Amino acid sequence: MARVDRKDSPYMLDDALWAYRTAYKTPIGTTPYHLVYGKWCHLPMELAHRALWAIKIVNADYKEGGELRKLQLNEIQEIRDEAYECASEFKDKLKKVHDTKTRKRTFEVGREVWLYNSSLKLFPNKLKSKWMGRYIITRVVRFGDVEIEDAQDQTKQVVNGQRLKPYLERKDINMLDVDRVSYFLGSPDEESI
């Protein structure tokens, strides 16, 4: 019996690929094997024990076999179309869930904003802020892209509007009511952008 450790992993790759290709996948609604070959995977053990499906294939008529093959080709196309529809529905559901978590934001030119530093997500520092600031909006594009300018060195860059939040000073916060402050500052779950 072979040892199961890291040295044997190249020898186990074929078995892992076989298991992956014959396992049922929810997004496509079938197995990858069935999607490619149009038939279900039968193990060699079923052939050795003369399964009923193997006996039927051996005793097939050629004319009937040709018609059966045409039907199988049409069936394979239907399976692929169904898998495409399942994947499309799965992507639509995933997009709907994602869209419910994002908040539509509007920005005006000249407004000061904070920029979310996405590189800190990979290398977290406990005491370093995730928000960089202060930036001034110079241009707003239709699809959520925003051009911002650094207030200190006047460098411009285009970023996604989801990475921005309004820059408020202490005097601005004191003038706002409590409901609007929570909107501008963001909820605790927004920190995990």
N, C-alpha and C. Protein backbone atom coordinates (compact mmCIF):
# COMPACT_ATOMS: atom_id res chain seq x y z
N MET A 1 0.85 -1.18 0.00
CA MET A 1 0.00 0.00 0.00
C MET A 1 0.89 1.23 0.00
N ALA A 2 0.54 2.21 -0.82
CA ALA A 2 1.34 3.43 -0.95
C ALA A 2 1.10 4.36 0.23
N ARG A 3 2.16 5.06 0.57
CA ARG A 3 2.05 6.06 1.64
C ARG A 3 1.32 7.27 1.10
N VAL A 4 0.50 7.85 1.96
CA VAL A 4 -0.22 9.06 1.56
C VAL A 4 0.49 10.24 2.19
N ASP A 5 1.35 10.87 1.44
CA ASP A 5 2.02 12.09 1.90
C ASP A 5 2.29 12.96 0.68
N ARG A 6 3.05 14.00 0.88
CA ARG A 6 3.26 14.97 -0.20
C ARG A 6 4.07 14.39 -1.36
N LYS A 7 4.91 13.41 -1.12
CA LYS A 7 5.72 12.83 -2.19
C LYS A 7 4.87 12.05 -3.19
N ASP A 8 3.73 11.54 -2.73
CA ASP A 8 2.86 10.74 -3.60
C ASP A 8 1.83 11.59 -4.33
N SER A 9 1.82 12.90 -4.13
CA SER A 9 0.76 13.73 -4.71
C SER A 9 0.71 13.70 -6.23
N PRO A 10 1.84 13.63 -6.96
CA PRO A 10 1.72 13.53 -8.43
C PRO A 10 1.01 12.25 -8.88
N TYR A 11 1.16 11.17 -8.11
CA TYR A 11 0.53 9.91 -8.48
C TYR A 11 -0.97 9.93 -8.18
N MET A 12 -1.38 10.78 -7.27
CA MET A 12 -2.80 10.87 -6.90
C MET A 12 -3.54 11.88 -7.77
N LEU A 13 -2.85 12.62 -8.60
CA LEU A 13 -3.47 13.67 -9.40
C LEU A 13 -4.51 13.12 -10.37
N ASP A 14 -4.22 11.99 -11.00
CA ASP A 14 -5.19 11.38 -11.92
C ASP A 14 -6.48 11.02 -11.20
N ASP A 15 -6.35 10.45 -10.00
CA ASP A 15 -7.55 10.08 -9.24
C ASP A 15 -8.34 11.31 -8.83
N ALA A 16 -7.63 12.38 -8.44
CA ALA A 16 -8.31 13.61 -8.04
C ALA A 16 -9.04 14.23 -9.22
N LEU A 17 -8.41 14.25 -10.39
CA LEU A 17 -9.07 14.78 -11.59
C LEU A 17 -10.28 13.95 -11.98
N TRP A 18 -10.15 12.63 -11.89
CA TRP A 18 -11.28 11.76 -12.20
C TRP A 18 -12.45 12.04 -11.25
N ALA A 19 -12.15 12.17 -9.97
CA ALA A 19 -13.21 12.45 -8.99
C ALA A 19 -13.86 13.80 -9.27
N TYR A 20 -13.07 14.79 -9.64
CA TYR A 20 -13.62 16.12 -9.94
C TYR A 20 -14.52 16.08 -11.17
N ARG A 21 -14.07 15.38 -12.20
CA ARG A 21 -14.82 15.36 -13.46
C ARG A 21 -16.10 14.54 -13.39
N THR A 22 -16.17 13.61 -12.45
CA THR A 22 -17.37 12.78 -12.35
C THR A 22 -18.28 13.20 -11.21
N ALA A 23 -17.94 14.26 -10.48
CA ALA A 23 -18.78 14.75 -9.38
C ALA A 23 -19.81 15.74 -9.91
N TYR A 24 -20.98 15.72 -9.32
CA TYR A 24 -22.08 16.61 -9.73
C TYR A 24 -21.77 18.04 -9.32
N LYS A 25 -21.93 19.00 -10.25
CA LYS A 25 -21.67 20.42 -9.99
C LYS A 25 -22.99 21.18 -10.03
N THR A 26 -23.31 21.89 -8.98
CA THR A 26 -24.57 22.63 -8.89
C THR A 26 -24.68 23.75 -9.91
N PRO A 27 -23.64 24.58 -10.15
CA PRO A 27 -23.82 25.68 -11.11
C PRO A 27 -24.19 25.23 -12.52
N ILE A 28 -23.67 24.09 -12.99
CA ILE A 28 -24.01 23.64 -14.35
C ILE A 28 -25.11 22.59 -14.35
N GLY A 29 -25.48 22.07 -13.20
CA GLY A 29 -26.59 21.14 -13.09
C GLY A 29 -26.29 19.73 -13.56
N THR A 30 -25.04 19.38 -13.71
CA THR A 30 -24.65 18.03 -14.15
C THR A 30 -23.17 17.83 -13.80
N THR A 31 -22.58 16.74 -14.30
CA THR A 31 -21.15 16.52 -14.09
C THR A 31 -20.39 17.02 -15.31
N PRO A 32 -19.14 17.46 -15.15
CA PRO A 32 -18.35 17.86 -16.32
C PRO A 32 -18.19 16.72 -17.34
N TYR A 33 -18.08 15.51 -16.88
CA TYR A 33 -17.96 14.34 -17.77
C TYR A 33 -19.20 14.22 -18.65
N HIS A 34 -20.37 14.34 -18.03
CA HIS A 34 -21.63 14.24 -18.76
C HIS A 34 -21.79 15.38 -19.74
N LEU A 35 -21.29 16.54 -19.37
CA LEU A 35 -21.37 17.71 -20.24
C LEU A 35 -20.51 17.54 -21.49
N VAL A 36 -19.32 16.95 -21.34
CA VAL A 36 -18.40 16.78 -22.47
C VAL A 36 -18.79 15.60 -23.35
N TYR A 37 -19.04 14.44 -22.73
CA TYR A 37 -19.26 13.22 -23.50
C TYR A 37 -20.73 12.88 -23.75
N GLY A 38 -21.63 13.54 -23.04
CA GLY A 38 -23.05 13.30 -23.26
C GLY A 38 -23.58 12.02 -22.67
N LYS A 39 -22.82 11.35 -21.84
CA LYS A 39 -23.29 10.13 -21.19
C LYS A 39 -22.70 10.08 -19.78
N TRP A 40 -23.31 9.27 -18.96
CA TRP A 40 -22.85 9.18 -17.58
C TRP A 40 -21.62 8.29 -17.50
N CYS A 41 -20.81 8.53 -16.53
CA CYS A 41 -19.57 7.78 -16.36
C CYS A 41 -19.87 6.43 -15.70
N HIS A 42 -19.41 5.35 -16.30
CA HIS A 42 -19.56 4.02 -15.72
C HIS A 42 -18.18 3.50 -15.34
N LEU A 43 -18.09 2.96 -14.17
CA LEU A 43 -16.81 2.47 -13.67
C LEU A 43 -16.44 1.13 -14.31
N PRO A 44 -15.14 0.82 -14.40
CA PRO A 44 -14.72 -0.46 -15.01
C PRO A 44 -15.30 -1.68 -14.30
N MET A 45 -15.62 -1.55 -13.02
CA MET A 45 -16.19 -2.66 -12.28
C MET A 45 -17.54 -3.07 -12.87
N GLU A 46 -18.32 -2.09 -13.38
CA GLU A 46 -19.60 -2.38 -13.99
C GLU A 46 -19.42 -3.19 -15.27
N LEU A 47 -18.34 -2.93 -16.01
CA LEU A 47 -18.07 -3.70 -17.23
C LEU A 47 -17.71 -5.15 -16.91
N ALA A 48 -16.90 -5.35 -15.86
CA ALA A 48 -16.46 -6.69 -15.49
C ALA A 48 -17.63 -7.55 -15.04
N HIS A 49 -18.62 -6.94 -14.40
CA HIS A 49 -19.77 -7.71 -13.89
C HIS A 49 -20.93 -7.74 -14.88
N ARG A 50 -20.66 -7.33 -16.13
CA ARG A 50 -21.64 -7.38 -17.21
C ARG A 50 -22.96 -6.71 -16.82
N ALA A 51 -22.84 -5.40 -16.64
CA ALA A 51 -24.03 -4.63 -16.31
C ALA A 51 -25.00 -4.65 -17.49
N LEU A 52 -26.26 -4.42 -17.21
CA LEU A 52 -27.30 -4.49 -18.23
C LEU A 52 -27.06 -3.52 -19.38
N TRP A 53 -26.57 -2.31 -19.07
CA TRP A 53 -26.34 -1.34 -20.14
C TRP A 53 -25.24 -1.79 -21.09
N ALA A 54 -24.21 -2.53 -20.59
CA ALA A 54 -23.13 -3.02 -21.44
C ALA A 54 -23.62 -4.11 -22.38
N ILE A 55 -24.49 -4.98 -21.89
CA ILE A 55 -25.04 -6.06 -22.72
C ILE A 55 -25.89 -5.49 -23.84
N LYS A 56 -26.68 -4.45 -23.55
CA LYS A 56 -27.53 -3.83 -24.56
C LYS A 56 -26.69 -3.19 -25.67
N ILE A 57 -25.57 -2.56 -25.32
CA ILE A 57 -24.72 -1.92 -26.32
C ILE A 57 -24.08 -2.95 -27.24
N VAL A 58 -23.64 -4.10 -26.69
CA VAL A 58 -22.99 -5.14 -27.48
C VAL A 58 -23.96 -5.75 -28.48
N ASN A 59 -25.21 -5.91 -28.13
CA ASN A 59 -26.20 -6.55 -28.99
C ASN A 59 -26.97 -5.55 -29.86
N ALA A 60 -26.41 -4.38 -30.12
CA ALA A 60 -27.12 -3.33 -30.86
C ALA A 60 -27.10 -3.58 -32.36
N ASP A 61 -28.13 -3.11 -33.06
CA ASP A 61 -28.23 -3.17 -34.52
C ASP A 61 -27.59 -1.90 -35.09
N TYR A 62 -26.90 -1.99 -36.27
CA TYR A 62 -26.17 -0.84 -36.81
C TYR A 62 -27.10 0.29 -37.24
N LYS A 63 -28.20 -0.04 -37.93
CA LYS A 63 -29.14 0.99 -38.38
C LYS A 63 -29.77 1.68 -37.16
N GLU A 64 -30.18 0.85 -36.26
CA GLU A 64 -30.76 1.38 -35.02
C GLU A 64 -29.71 2.16 -34.24
N GLY A 65 -28.46 1.69 -34.31
CA GLY A 65 -27.36 2.38 -33.62
C GLY A 65 -27.09 3.76 -34.21
N GLY A 66 -27.20 3.88 -35.56
CA GLY A 66 -27.01 5.19 -36.21
C GLY A 66 -28.07 6.18 -35.79
N GLU A 67 -29.33 5.72 -35.75
CA GLU A 67 -30.42 6.60 -35.30
C GLU A 67 -30.23 6.97 -33.83
N LEU A 68 -29.79 5.99 -33.06
CA LEU A 68 -29.54 6.24 -31.64
C LEU A 68 -28.43 7.27 -31.45
N ARG A 69 -27.41 7.19 -32.32
CA ARG A 69 -26.29 8.14 -32.22
C ARG A 69 -26.76 9.56 -32.56
N LYS A 70 -27.65 9.70 -33.57
CA LYS A 70 -28.20 11.01 -33.89
C LYS A 70 -28.98 11.57 -32.71
N LEU A 71 -29.76 10.70 -32.09
CA LEU A 71 -30.51 11.12 -30.91
C LEU A 71 -29.57 11.54 -29.78
N GLN A 72 -28.49 10.78 -29.62
CA GLN A 72 -27.52 11.10 -28.57
C GLN A 72 -26.85 12.45 -28.84
N LEU A 73 -26.53 12.73 -30.11
CA LEU A 73 -25.92 14.02 -30.44
C LEU A 73 -26.88 15.18 -30.14
N ASN A 74 -28.16 14.98 -30.49
CA ASN A 74 -29.15 16.00 -30.16
C ASN A 74 -29.30 16.15 -28.64
N GLU A 75 -29.24 15.02 -27.96
CA GLU A 75 -29.35 15.03 -26.50
C GLU A 75 -28.18 15.77 -25.87
N ILE A 76 -26.99 15.54 -26.42
CA ILE A 76 -25.79 16.22 -25.88
C ILE A 76 -25.92 17.73 -26.03
N GLN A 77 -26.49 18.18 -27.16
CA GLN A 77 -26.68 19.61 -27.36
C GLN A 77 -27.70 20.16 -26.36
N GLU A 78 -28.75 19.39 -26.10
CA GLU A 78 -29.73 19.81 -25.10
C GLU A 78 -29.11 19.89 -23.72
N ILE A 79 -28.25 18.93 -23.41
CA ILE A 79 -27.58 18.93 -22.10
C ILE A 79 -26.69 20.16 -21.97
N ARG A 80 -25.97 20.50 -23.04
CA ARG A 80 -25.10 21.68 -23.01
C ARG A 80 -25.92 22.96 -22.88
N ASP A 81 -27.05 23.02 -23.61
CA ASP A 81 -27.91 24.20 -23.49
C ASP A 81 -28.47 24.33 -22.07
N GLU A 82 -28.86 23.20 -21.49
CA GLU A 82 -29.37 23.22 -20.12
C GLU A 82 -28.29 23.64 -19.13
N ALA A 83 -27.07 23.15 -19.34
CA ALA A 83 -25.96 23.55 -18.46
C ALA A 83 -25.68 25.04 -18.59
N TYR A 84 -25.77 25.56 -19.82
CA TYR A 84 -25.58 26.99 -20.04
C TYR A 84 -26.65 27.80 -19.31
N GLU A 85 -27.91 27.35 -19.40
CA GLU A 85 -28.99 28.04 -18.70
C GLU A 85 -28.81 27.98 -17.19
N CYS A 86 -28.40 26.81 -16.67
CA CYS A 86 -28.17 26.67 -15.23
C CYS A 86 -27.05 27.61 -14.78
N ALA A 87 -25.96 27.67 -15.55
CA ALA A 87 -24.85 28.55 -15.19
C ALA A 87 -25.28 30.01 -15.26
N SER A 88 -26.10 30.34 -16.25
CA SER A 88 -26.58 31.72 -16.38
C SER A 88 -27.47 32.10 -15.21
N GLU A 89 -28.38 31.20 -14.81
CA GLU A 89 -29.23 31.45 -13.65
C GLU A 89 -28.40 31.58 -12.38
N PHE A 90 -27.39 30.72 -12.24
CA PHE A 90 -26.52 30.77 -11.06
C PHE A 90 -25.79 32.11 -10.98
N LYS A 91 -25.28 32.59 -12.13
CA LYS A 91 -24.58 33.88 -12.16
C LYS A 91 -25.54 35.02 -11.84
N ASP A 92 -26.78 34.94 -12.35
CA ASP A 92 -27.77 35.98 -12.07
C ASP A 92 -28.09 36.04 -10.58
N LYS A 93 -28.25 34.87 -9.96
CA LYS A 93 -28.53 34.84 -8.51
C LYS A 93 -27.35 35.42 -7.74
N LEU A 94 -26.13 35.05 -8.14
CA LEU A 94 -24.93 35.55 -7.47
C LEU A 94 -24.82 37.06 -7.62
N LYS A 95 -25.14 37.58 -8.81
CA LYS A 95 -25.10 39.02 -9.04
C LYS A 95 -26.14 39.74 -8.20
N LYS A 96 -27.34 39.14 -8.09
CA LYS A 96 -28.40 39.75 -7.30
C LYS A 96 -27.99 39.84 -5.83
N VAL A 97 -27.37 38.79 -5.30
CA VAL A 97 -26.90 38.81 -3.92
C VAL A 97 -25.82 39.86 -3.75
N HIS A 98 -24.90 39.95 -4.71
CA HIS A 98 -23.83 40.95 -4.63
C HIS A 98 -24.39 42.36 -4.69
N ASP A 99 -25.36 42.58 -5.58
CA ASP A 99 -25.93 43.92 -5.75
C ASP A 99 -26.71 44.37 -4.52
N THR A 100 -27.30 43.43 -3.77
CA THR A 100 -28.01 43.83 -2.55
C THR A 100 -27.06 44.31 -1.47
N LYS A 101 -25.81 43.85 -1.54
CA LYS A 101 -24.83 44.25 -0.53
C LYS A 101 -24.14 45.58 -0.86
N THR A 102 -24.21 46.01 -2.10
CA THR A 102 -23.58 47.27 -2.46
C THR A 102 -24.59 48.40 -2.35
N ARG A 103 -24.11 49.55 -1.94
CA ARG A 103 -24.96 50.72 -1.78
C ARG A 103 -24.68 51.70 -2.90
N LYS A 104 -25.75 52.20 -3.51
CA LYS A 104 -25.60 53.17 -4.60
C LYS A 104 -25.17 54.50 -4.00
N ARG A 105 -24.08 55.05 -4.48
CA ARG A 105 -23.55 56.31 -3.97
C ARG A 105 -23.46 57.32 -5.10
N THR A 106 -23.73 58.57 -4.76
CA THR A 106 -23.59 59.64 -5.74
C THR A 106 -22.56 60.62 -5.23
N PHE A 107 -21.73 61.08 -6.13
CA PHE A 107 -20.67 62.02 -5.76
C PHE A 107 -20.78 63.27 -6.63
N GLU A 108 -20.38 64.40 -6.05
CA GLU A 108 -20.37 65.66 -6.79
C GLU A 108 -18.94 66.13 -6.96
N VAL A 109 -18.68 66.82 -8.05
CA VAL A 109 -17.35 67.36 -8.33
C VAL A 109 -17.03 68.41 -7.27
N GLY A 110 -15.81 68.35 -6.74
CA GLY A 110 -15.36 69.31 -5.73
C GLY A 110 -15.52 68.79 -4.31
N ARG A 111 -16.19 67.68 -4.13
CA ARG A 111 -16.40 67.13 -2.78
C ARG A 111 -15.14 66.40 -2.31
N GLU A 112 -14.87 66.46 -1.01
CA GLU A 112 -13.71 65.77 -0.44
C GLU A 112 -14.13 64.37 0.00
N VAL A 113 -13.25 63.39 -0.27
CA VAL A 113 -13.58 61.99 0.04
C VAL A 113 -12.37 61.27 0.63
N TRP A 114 -12.66 60.12 1.26
CA TRP A 114 -11.65 59.16 1.70
C TRP A 114 -11.54 58.09 0.63
N LEU A 115 -10.35 57.49 0.50
CA LEU A 115 -10.13 56.38 -0.44
C LEU A 115 -9.76 55.14 0.36
N TYR A 116 -10.45 54.02 0.09
CA TYR A 116 -10.17 52.76 0.76
C TYR A 116 -8.88 52.16 0.21
N ASN A 117 -7.95 51.81 1.10
CA ASN A 117 -6.66 51.25 0.70
C ASN A 117 -6.80 49.73 0.63
N SER A 118 -6.99 49.20 -0.56
CA SER A 118 -7.23 47.76 -0.72
C SER A 118 -5.98 46.92 -0.51
N SER A 119 -4.80 47.51 -0.57
CA SER A 119 -3.58 46.72 -0.37
C SER A 119 -3.43 46.30 1.08
N LEU A 120 -4.07 47.00 2.01
CA LEU A 120 -3.99 46.60 3.41
C LEU A 120 -4.79 45.35 3.70
N LYS A 121 -5.69 44.99 2.81
CA LYS A 121 -6.46 43.78 2.99
C LYS A 121 -5.55 42.55 2.92
N LEU A 122 -4.52 42.63 2.07
CA LEU A 122 -3.59 41.52 1.93
C LEU A 122 -2.55 41.49 3.04
N PHE A 123 -2.09 42.66 3.46
CA PHE A 123 -1.07 42.76 4.51
C PHE A 123 -1.61 43.63 5.64
N PRO A 124 -2.44 43.08 6.54
CA PRO A 124 -3.08 43.91 7.54
C PRO A 124 -2.10 44.41 8.61
N ASN A 125 -2.22 45.67 8.94
CA ASN A 125 -1.51 46.26 10.07
C ASN A 125 -2.56 46.70 11.07
N LYS A 126 -2.37 46.35 12.33
CA LYS A 126 -3.41 46.60 13.31
C LYS A 126 -3.72 48.07 13.47
N LEU A 127 -2.72 48.90 13.55
CA LEU A 127 -2.94 50.30 13.89
C LEU A 127 -3.02 51.22 12.68
N LYS A 128 -2.82 50.69 11.50
CA LYS A 128 -2.85 51.53 10.31
C LYS A 128 -4.28 51.64 9.79
N SER A 129 -4.70 52.83 9.42
CA SER A 129 -6.05 53.06 8.94
C SER A 129 -6.21 52.47 7.55
N LYS A 130 -7.41 51.96 7.26
CA LYS A 130 -7.70 51.41 5.95
C LYS A 130 -8.09 52.51 4.96
N TRP A 131 -8.36 53.70 5.45
CA TRP A 131 -8.82 54.80 4.61
C TRP A 131 -7.72 55.84 4.46
N MET A 132 -7.48 56.24 3.22
CA MET A 132 -6.48 57.27 2.94
C MET A 132 -7.23 58.54 2.55
N GLY A 133 -6.71 59.66 2.88
CA GLY A 133 -7.42 60.89 2.53
C GLY A 133 -6.46 62.05 2.59
N ARG A 134 -6.83 63.00 2.17
CA ARG A 134 -8.05 63.55 1.67
C ARG A 134 -7.90 63.78 0.20
N TYR A 135 -8.92 63.40 -0.55
CA TYR A 135 -8.94 63.51 -2.00
C TYR A 135 -10.12 64.39 -2.41
N ILE A 136 -9.98 65.04 -3.56
CA ILE A 136 -11.03 65.90 -4.09
C ILE A 136 -11.51 65.31 -5.42
N ILE A 137 -12.82 65.20 -5.57
CA ILE A 137 -13.40 64.65 -6.80
C ILE A 137 -13.29 65.69 -7.91
N THR A 138 -12.67 65.29 -9.04
CA THR A 138 -12.54 66.20 -10.18
C THR A 138 -13.49 65.85 -11.32
N ARG A 139 -13.89 64.56 -11.42
CA ARG A 139 -14.77 64.15 -12.50
C ARG A 139 -15.50 62.88 -12.10
N VAL A 140 -16.80 62.78 -12.44
CA VAL A 140 -17.60 61.60 -12.16
C VAL A 140 -18.05 61.02 -13.50
N VAL A 141 -17.74 59.72 -13.72
CA VAL A 141 -18.07 59.04 -14.96
C VAL A 141 -19.37 58.26 -14.75
N ARG A 142 -20.05 57.94 -15.82
CA ARG A 142 -21.39 57.35 -15.76
C ARG A 142 -21.43 55.99 -15.07
N PHE A 143 -20.44 55.13 -15.24
CA PHE A 143 -20.51 53.77 -14.72
C PHE A 143 -19.89 53.59 -13.34
N GLY A 144 -19.82 54.64 -12.54
CA GLY A 144 -19.33 54.53 -11.18
C GLY A 144 -17.85 54.84 -11.02
N ASP A 145 -17.15 55.11 -12.11
CA ASP A 145 -15.75 55.49 -12.01
C ASP A 145 -15.68 56.96 -11.58
N VAL A 146 -14.73 57.26 -10.71
CA VAL A 146 -14.58 58.62 -10.21
C VAL A 146 -13.11 59.01 -10.33
N GLU A 147 -12.85 60.17 -10.89
CA GLU A 147 -11.48 60.67 -10.96
C GLU A 147 -11.26 61.56 -9.73
N ILE A 148 -10.21 61.24 -8.97
CA ILE A 148 -9.92 62.00 -7.76
C ILE A 148 -8.53 62.60 -7.85
N GLU A 149 -8.33 63.66 -7.07
CA GLU A 149 -7.04 64.35 -7.05
C GLU A 149 -6.58 64.43 -5.60
N ASP A 150 -5.33 64.10 -5.37
CA ASP A 150 -4.76 64.18 -4.02
C ASP A 150 -4.66 65.65 -3.63
N ALA A 151 -5.13 65.98 -2.43
CA ALA A 151 -5.14 67.37 -1.98
C ALA A 151 -3.73 67.89 -1.72
N GLN A 152 -2.77 67.02 -1.43
CA GLN A 152 -1.42 67.47 -1.10
C GLN A 152 -0.54 67.62 -2.34
N ASP A 153 -0.44 66.58 -3.15
CA ASP A 153 0.50 66.65 -4.28
C ASP A 153 -0.18 66.75 -5.65
N GLN A 154 -1.48 66.91 -5.73
CA GLN A 154 -2.26 67.13 -6.94
C GLN A 154 -2.09 66.01 -7.99
N THR A 155 -1.85 64.77 -7.57
CA THR A 155 -1.82 63.65 -8.51
C THR A 155 -3.24 63.15 -8.70
N LYS A 156 -3.58 62.80 -9.94
CA LYS A 156 -4.93 62.33 -10.24
C LYS A 156 -4.92 60.84 -10.50
N GLN A 157 -6.05 60.20 -10.16
CA GLN A 157 -6.23 58.79 -10.44
C GLN A 157 -7.72 58.49 -10.57
N VAL A 158 -8.04 57.45 -11.32
CA VAL A 158 -9.43 57.04 -11.50
C VAL A 158 -9.66 55.79 -10.65
N VAL A 159 -10.71 55.81 -9.82
CA VAL A 159 -11.02 54.69 -8.92
C VAL A 159 -12.51 54.35 -9.02
N ASN A 160 -12.85 53.19 -8.50
CA ASN A 160 -14.24 52.76 -8.41
C ASN A 160 -14.93 53.54 -7.29
N GLY A 161 -16.16 53.99 -7.52
CA GLY A 161 -16.89 54.76 -6.52
C GLY A 161 -17.18 53.99 -5.25
N GLN A 162 -17.14 52.64 -5.30
CA GLN A 162 -17.37 51.84 -4.10
C GLN A 162 -16.21 51.96 -3.11
N ARG A 163 -15.06 52.42 -3.57
CA ARG A 163 -13.90 52.56 -2.68
C ARG A 163 -13.84 53.93 -2.01
N LEU A 164 -14.85 54.76 -2.20
CA LEU A 164 -14.84 56.11 -1.66
C LEU A 164 -15.92 56.30 -0.62
N LYS A 165 -15.67 57.19 0.34
CA LYS A 165 -16.71 57.64 1.24
C LYS A 165 -16.44 59.10 1.57
N PRO A 166 -17.49 59.86 1.90
CA PRO A 166 -17.33 61.31 2.11
C PRO A 166 -16.36 61.62 3.25
N TYR A 167 -15.58 62.67 3.04
CA TYR A 167 -14.63 63.15 4.04
C TYR A 167 -15.35 64.19 4.89
N LEU A 168 -15.48 63.91 6.17
CA LEU A 168 -16.16 64.82 7.08
C LEU A 168 -15.19 65.29 8.16
N GLU A 169 -15.26 66.57 8.49
CA GLU A 169 -14.48 67.10 9.59
C GLU A 169 -15.37 67.16 10.83
N ARG A 170 -14.77 67.43 11.97
CA ARG A 170 -15.50 67.43 13.24
C ARG A 170 -16.67 68.41 13.20
N LYS A 171 -16.48 69.58 12.66
CA LYS A 171 -17.56 70.58 12.63
C LYS A 171 -18.72 70.10 11.75
N ASP A 172 -18.41 69.34 10.66
CA ASP A 172 -19.47 68.81 9.80
C ASP A 172 -20.31 67.75 10.53
N ILE A 173 -19.65 66.92 11.33
CA ILE A 173 -20.35 65.86 12.05
C ILE A 173 -21.27 66.46 13.11
N ASN A 174 -20.83 67.50 13.81
CA ASN A 174 -21.66 68.12 14.84
C ASN A 174 -22.92 68.75 14.26
N MET A 175 -22.87 69.18 13.01
CA MET A 175 -24.02 69.83 12.39
C MET A 175 -25.03 68.82 11.83
N LEU A 176 -24.64 67.57 11.62
CA LEU A 176 -25.54 66.57 11.05
C LEU A 176 -26.36 65.89 12.13
N ASP A 177 -27.54 65.38 11.75
CA ASP A 177 -28.32 64.60 12.70
C ASP A 177 -27.81 63.16 12.71
N VAL A 178 -28.25 62.37 13.68
CA VAL A 178 -27.68 61.05 13.94
C VAL A 178 -27.89 60.08 12.76
N ASP A 179 -29.03 60.10 12.11
CA ASP A 179 -29.29 59.17 11.01
C ASP A 179 -28.35 59.42 9.84
N ARG A 180 -28.09 60.66 9.51
CA ARG A 180 -27.22 60.97 8.39
C ARG A 180 -25.76 60.68 8.73
N VAL A 181 -25.37 60.81 9.99
CA VAL A 181 -23.99 60.50 10.37
C VAL A 181 -23.70 59.03 10.16
N SER A 182 -24.64 58.16 10.53
CA SER A 182 -24.40 56.72 10.34
C SER A 182 -24.30 56.39 8.85
N TYR A 183 -25.04 57.14 7.99
CA TYR A 183 -24.94 56.91 6.55
C TYR A 183 -23.57 57.31 6.02
N PHE A 184 -23.09 58.49 6.46
CA PHE A 184 -21.80 58.97 5.95
C PHE A 184 -20.63 58.17 6.50
N LEU A 185 -20.68 57.83 7.77
CA LEU A 185 -19.56 57.12 8.37
C LEU A 185 -19.58 55.64 8.02
N GLY A 186 -20.73 55.10 7.74
CA GLY A 186 -20.83 53.70 7.35
C GLY A 186 -21.10 52.82 8.54
N SER A 187 -21.73 51.68 8.27
CA SER A 187 -22.04 50.74 9.32
C SER A 187 -20.84 49.85 9.58
N PRO A 188 -20.81 49.12 10.74
CA PRO A 188 -19.65 48.27 11.05
C PRO A 188 -19.39 47.20 10.00
N ASP A 189 -20.45 46.68 9.35
CA ASP A 189 -20.21 45.64 8.35
C ASP A 189 -19.61 46.20 7.07
N GLU A 190 -19.65 47.52 6.88
CA GLU A 190 -19.05 48.14 5.69
C GLU A 190 -17.53 48.14 5.77
N GLU A 191 -16.99 48.00 6.96
CA GLU A 191 -15.54 48.00 7.13
C GLU A 191 -14.88 46.80 6.44
N SER A 192 -15.66 45.78 6.14
CA SER A 192 -15.08 44.58 5.52
C SER A 192 -15.18 44.62 4.00
N ILE A 193 -15.06 45.79 3.38
CA ILE A 193 -15.17 45.94 1.92
C ILE A 193 -14.12 45.11 1.24
